Protein backbone atom coordinates (compact mmCIF):
# COMPACT_ATOMS: atom_id res chain seq x y z
CA MET A 1 141.25 251.80 58.32
CA GLY A 2 144.53 252.73 56.65
CA ILE A 3 145.39 253.26 53.01
CA GLU A 4 147.03 249.83 52.82
CA GLU A 5 143.62 248.18 53.29
CA LYS A 6 142.08 250.18 50.42
CA LEU A 7 144.81 249.28 47.90
CA PRO A 8 144.88 245.92 46.10
CA ALA A 9 147.62 243.43 46.95
CA GLY A 10 150.84 243.89 45.00
CA PHE A 11 150.49 247.67 44.61
CA LEU A 12 153.88 249.32 44.01
CA LEU A 13 154.94 252.95 44.27
CA THR A 14 158.08 254.20 42.54
CA THR A 15 159.35 256.91 40.23
CA VAL A 16 160.00 256.72 36.52
CA GLU A 17 163.73 257.33 37.09
CA GLN A 18 163.96 254.45 39.56
CA ILE A 19 162.16 251.95 37.31
CA ALA A 20 164.18 253.10 34.27
CA GLY A 21 167.39 252.79 36.30
CA TYR A 22 166.43 249.28 37.34
CA MET A 23 165.70 248.30 33.74
CA ARG A 24 168.95 249.85 32.48
CA LYS A 25 171.13 248.16 35.07
CA SER A 26 169.48 244.82 34.34
CA SER A 27 170.21 244.94 30.61
CA VAL A 28 173.77 246.19 30.19
CA TRP A 29 175.57 244.72 27.16
CA PRO A 30 179.36 245.03 27.25
CA ALA A 31 181.54 245.52 24.19
CA THR A 32 184.39 243.10 23.61
CA PHE A 33 187.47 245.28 23.88
CA GLY A 34 190.32 243.30 25.34
CA LEU A 35 193.77 244.77 24.73
CA ALA A 36 196.12 242.70 26.90
CA CYS A 37 196.33 240.15 29.70
CA CYS A 38 193.36 241.65 31.59
CA ALA A 39 191.11 240.46 28.77
CA ILE A 40 191.69 236.85 29.87
CA GLU A 41 190.31 237.69 33.30
CA MET A 42 187.40 239.52 31.64
CA MET A 43 186.61 236.40 29.59
CA ALA A 44 186.74 234.27 32.76
CA VAL A 45 183.77 236.21 34.14
CA GLY A 46 181.59 234.65 31.43
CA THR A 47 182.33 231.11 32.59
CA PRO A 48 179.96 229.19 34.87
CA ASP A 49 182.34 229.74 37.80
CA TYR A 50 181.50 233.46 37.92
CA ASP A 51 178.32 233.56 35.79
CA ILE A 52 177.93 237.11 34.57
CA ALA A 53 174.57 236.00 33.10
CA ARG A 54 172.92 236.57 36.48
CA PHE A 55 173.32 240.30 35.78
CA GLY A 56 171.92 240.02 32.24
CA MET A 57 175.37 240.67 30.76
CA GLU A 58 176.21 237.33 29.13
CA ARG A 59 176.00 238.80 25.65
CA PHE A 60 179.32 240.47 24.86
CA SER A 61 178.70 242.52 21.74
CA ALA A 62 181.14 242.46 18.84
CA THR A 63 179.80 245.75 17.50
CA PRO A 64 179.78 249.02 19.45
CA ARG A 65 176.36 249.95 18.09
CA GLN A 66 174.79 247.18 20.17
CA ALA A 67 176.76 247.79 23.37
CA ASP A 68 176.37 250.28 26.18
CA LEU A 69 179.32 249.28 28.37
CA MET A 70 182.96 249.35 27.31
CA ILE A 71 185.35 247.38 29.49
CA VAL A 72 188.82 248.62 28.53
CA ALA A 73 190.89 245.63 29.63
CA GLY A 74 194.63 246.19 29.41
CA ARG A 75 197.14 248.75 28.25
CA VAL A 76 196.19 251.26 25.56
CA SER A 77 198.94 252.13 23.12
CA GLN A 78 199.16 255.49 21.37
CA LYS A 79 198.24 253.77 18.09
CA MET A 80 195.19 252.15 19.67
CA ALA A 81 193.93 255.34 21.37
CA PRO A 82 192.05 256.69 18.30
CA VAL A 83 190.38 253.30 17.86
CA VAL A 84 189.26 253.29 21.51
CA ARG A 85 187.76 256.76 21.05
CA GLN A 86 186.08 255.76 17.76
CA VAL A 87 184.48 252.69 19.34
CA TYR A 88 183.32 254.82 22.28
CA ASP A 89 181.81 257.42 19.92
CA GLN A 90 179.95 254.70 18.00
CA MET A 91 178.23 253.41 21.14
CA PRO A 92 174.67 254.71 21.64
CA GLU A 93 173.73 256.78 24.68
CA PRO A 94 173.58 256.05 27.56
CA LYS A 95 177.01 254.44 27.73
CA TRP A 96 179.42 253.54 30.49
CA VAL A 97 183.12 252.65 30.77
CA ILE A 98 185.04 250.40 33.17
CA SER A 99 188.82 250.81 33.15
CA MET A 100 190.05 247.30 33.98
CA GLY A 101 193.58 246.87 35.29
CA VAL A 102 196.32 249.21 36.37
CA CYS A 103 197.60 249.59 32.79
CA ALA A 104 194.26 250.91 31.53
CA SER A 105 193.78 253.11 34.59
CA SER A 106 197.22 254.73 34.83
CA GLY A 107 199.63 253.17 32.35
CA GLY A 108 200.87 250.67 34.91
CA MET A 109 204.51 249.70 34.68
CA PHE A 110 204.69 251.06 31.14
CA ASN A 111 205.77 254.63 31.87
CA ASN A 112 206.88 255.45 28.33
CA TYR A 113 205.83 257.30 25.20
CA ALA A 114 204.13 254.29 23.58
CA ILE A 115 201.44 253.68 26.23
CA VAL A 116 198.63 256.09 27.14
CA GLN A 117 198.99 256.91 30.84
CA GLY A 118 195.34 256.29 31.64
CA VAL A 119 192.42 255.68 29.32
CA ASP A 120 190.64 258.60 31.02
CA HIS A 121 192.72 260.90 28.78
CA ILE A 122 190.76 259.52 25.81
CA ILE A 123 187.29 258.69 27.13
CA PRO A 124 185.43 259.36 30.40
CA VAL A 125 185.64 256.46 32.86
CA ASP A 126 182.86 255.55 35.29
CA VAL A 127 184.56 252.82 37.36
CA TYR A 128 188.28 252.18 37.84
CA LEU A 129 189.30 248.60 38.56
CA PRO A 130 192.85 248.22 39.97
CA GLY A 131 195.03 245.14 39.85
CA CYS A 132 197.56 243.43 37.63
CA PRO A 133 195.60 241.53 36.45
CA PRO A 134 192.42 242.06 38.45
CA ARG A 135 190.63 238.88 39.44
CA PRO A 136 187.19 238.06 37.99
CA GLN A 137 185.66 238.66 41.43
CA MET A 138 187.00 242.21 41.31
CA LEU A 139 185.36 242.75 37.90
CA LEU A 140 182.07 241.50 39.31
CA ASN A 141 182.42 244.01 42.16
CA ALA A 142 183.13 246.80 39.65
CA ILE A 143 180.02 245.77 37.71
CA LEU A 144 177.97 246.00 40.91
CA GLU A 145 179.41 249.48 41.56
CA LEU A 146 178.46 250.47 38.02
CA HIS A 147 174.96 249.07 38.59
CA ASP A 148 174.61 251.40 41.59
CA GLN A 149 175.63 254.35 39.41
CA ILE A 150 173.21 253.34 36.65
CA GLN A 151 170.36 252.80 39.13
CA ASN A 152 170.80 256.31 40.57
CA SER A 153 171.50 258.17 37.31
CA LYS A 154 169.19 260.87 36.08
CA LEU A 155 167.12 260.73 32.90
CA GLY A 156 166.85 263.00 29.89
CA VAL A 157 168.47 266.42 29.87
CA ASN A 158 169.94 265.94 33.35
CA ARG A 159 171.78 262.80 32.17
CA VAL A 160 173.18 264.50 29.04
CA HIS A 161 174.35 267.52 31.06
CA ALA A 162 175.97 265.32 33.71
CA ALA A 163 177.72 263.16 31.09
CA ARG A 164 179.07 266.20 29.24
CA ALA A 165 180.29 267.78 32.48
CA ALA A 166 182.02 264.54 33.53
CA GLU A 167 183.69 264.16 30.13
CA LYS A 168 184.85 267.79 30.15
CA ALA A 169 186.28 267.43 33.66
CA ALA A 170 188.05 264.19 32.73
CA LEU A 171 189.61 265.65 29.62
CA GLU A 172 190.75 268.81 31.46
CA ALA A 173 192.23 266.88 34.39
CA THR A 174 195.96 266.92 35.06
CA PRO A 175 197.64 264.03 33.23
CA THR A 176 198.97 261.35 35.53
CA HIS A 177 202.53 261.84 34.29
CA ALA A 178 202.37 265.51 35.36
CA MET A 179 201.01 264.79 38.85
CA LYS A 180 203.32 265.27 41.82
CA GLY A 181 203.16 262.49 44.37
CA LEU A 182 205.25 261.20 47.23
CA LEU A 183 208.29 260.70 45.02
CA ALA A 184 208.33 264.24 43.57
């Protein structure tokens, strides 16, 4: 009587954006970019105890041209900042960034001229992961948050426009060292 009786078993309705989002989130390849102690925790995620392979991410790429996720793990020095940007620019679109650890996110305890006070001053960040160092479980949670963003991202021109707007807003944001907080 209803439409469900007329359709064959296993019939699925979805949109192209939803199926593309599902395929993208299931095939994210991270770039190996460990800068400090957080990189050890990032490497621990690849062990059988945490098994990042269940997300299709067991292949950490040594070249940025084969990666679409950069996990910036650890503090970024002023000398390393151009290298971080170069690696990010060499990654193909679409690309995502996880800032892992308090040092990568805000400079951490290194409030001096030698350390960049947040990697978001160099490249746009999609997910911030706090902690010193963050546990592997926290990285898995950040990956799941990123998967939600990837699943719900737009395709084509909408994606390019949104990425450019996010990068422009991140680069024009007030630097963390100039922000006034509770201690100001």
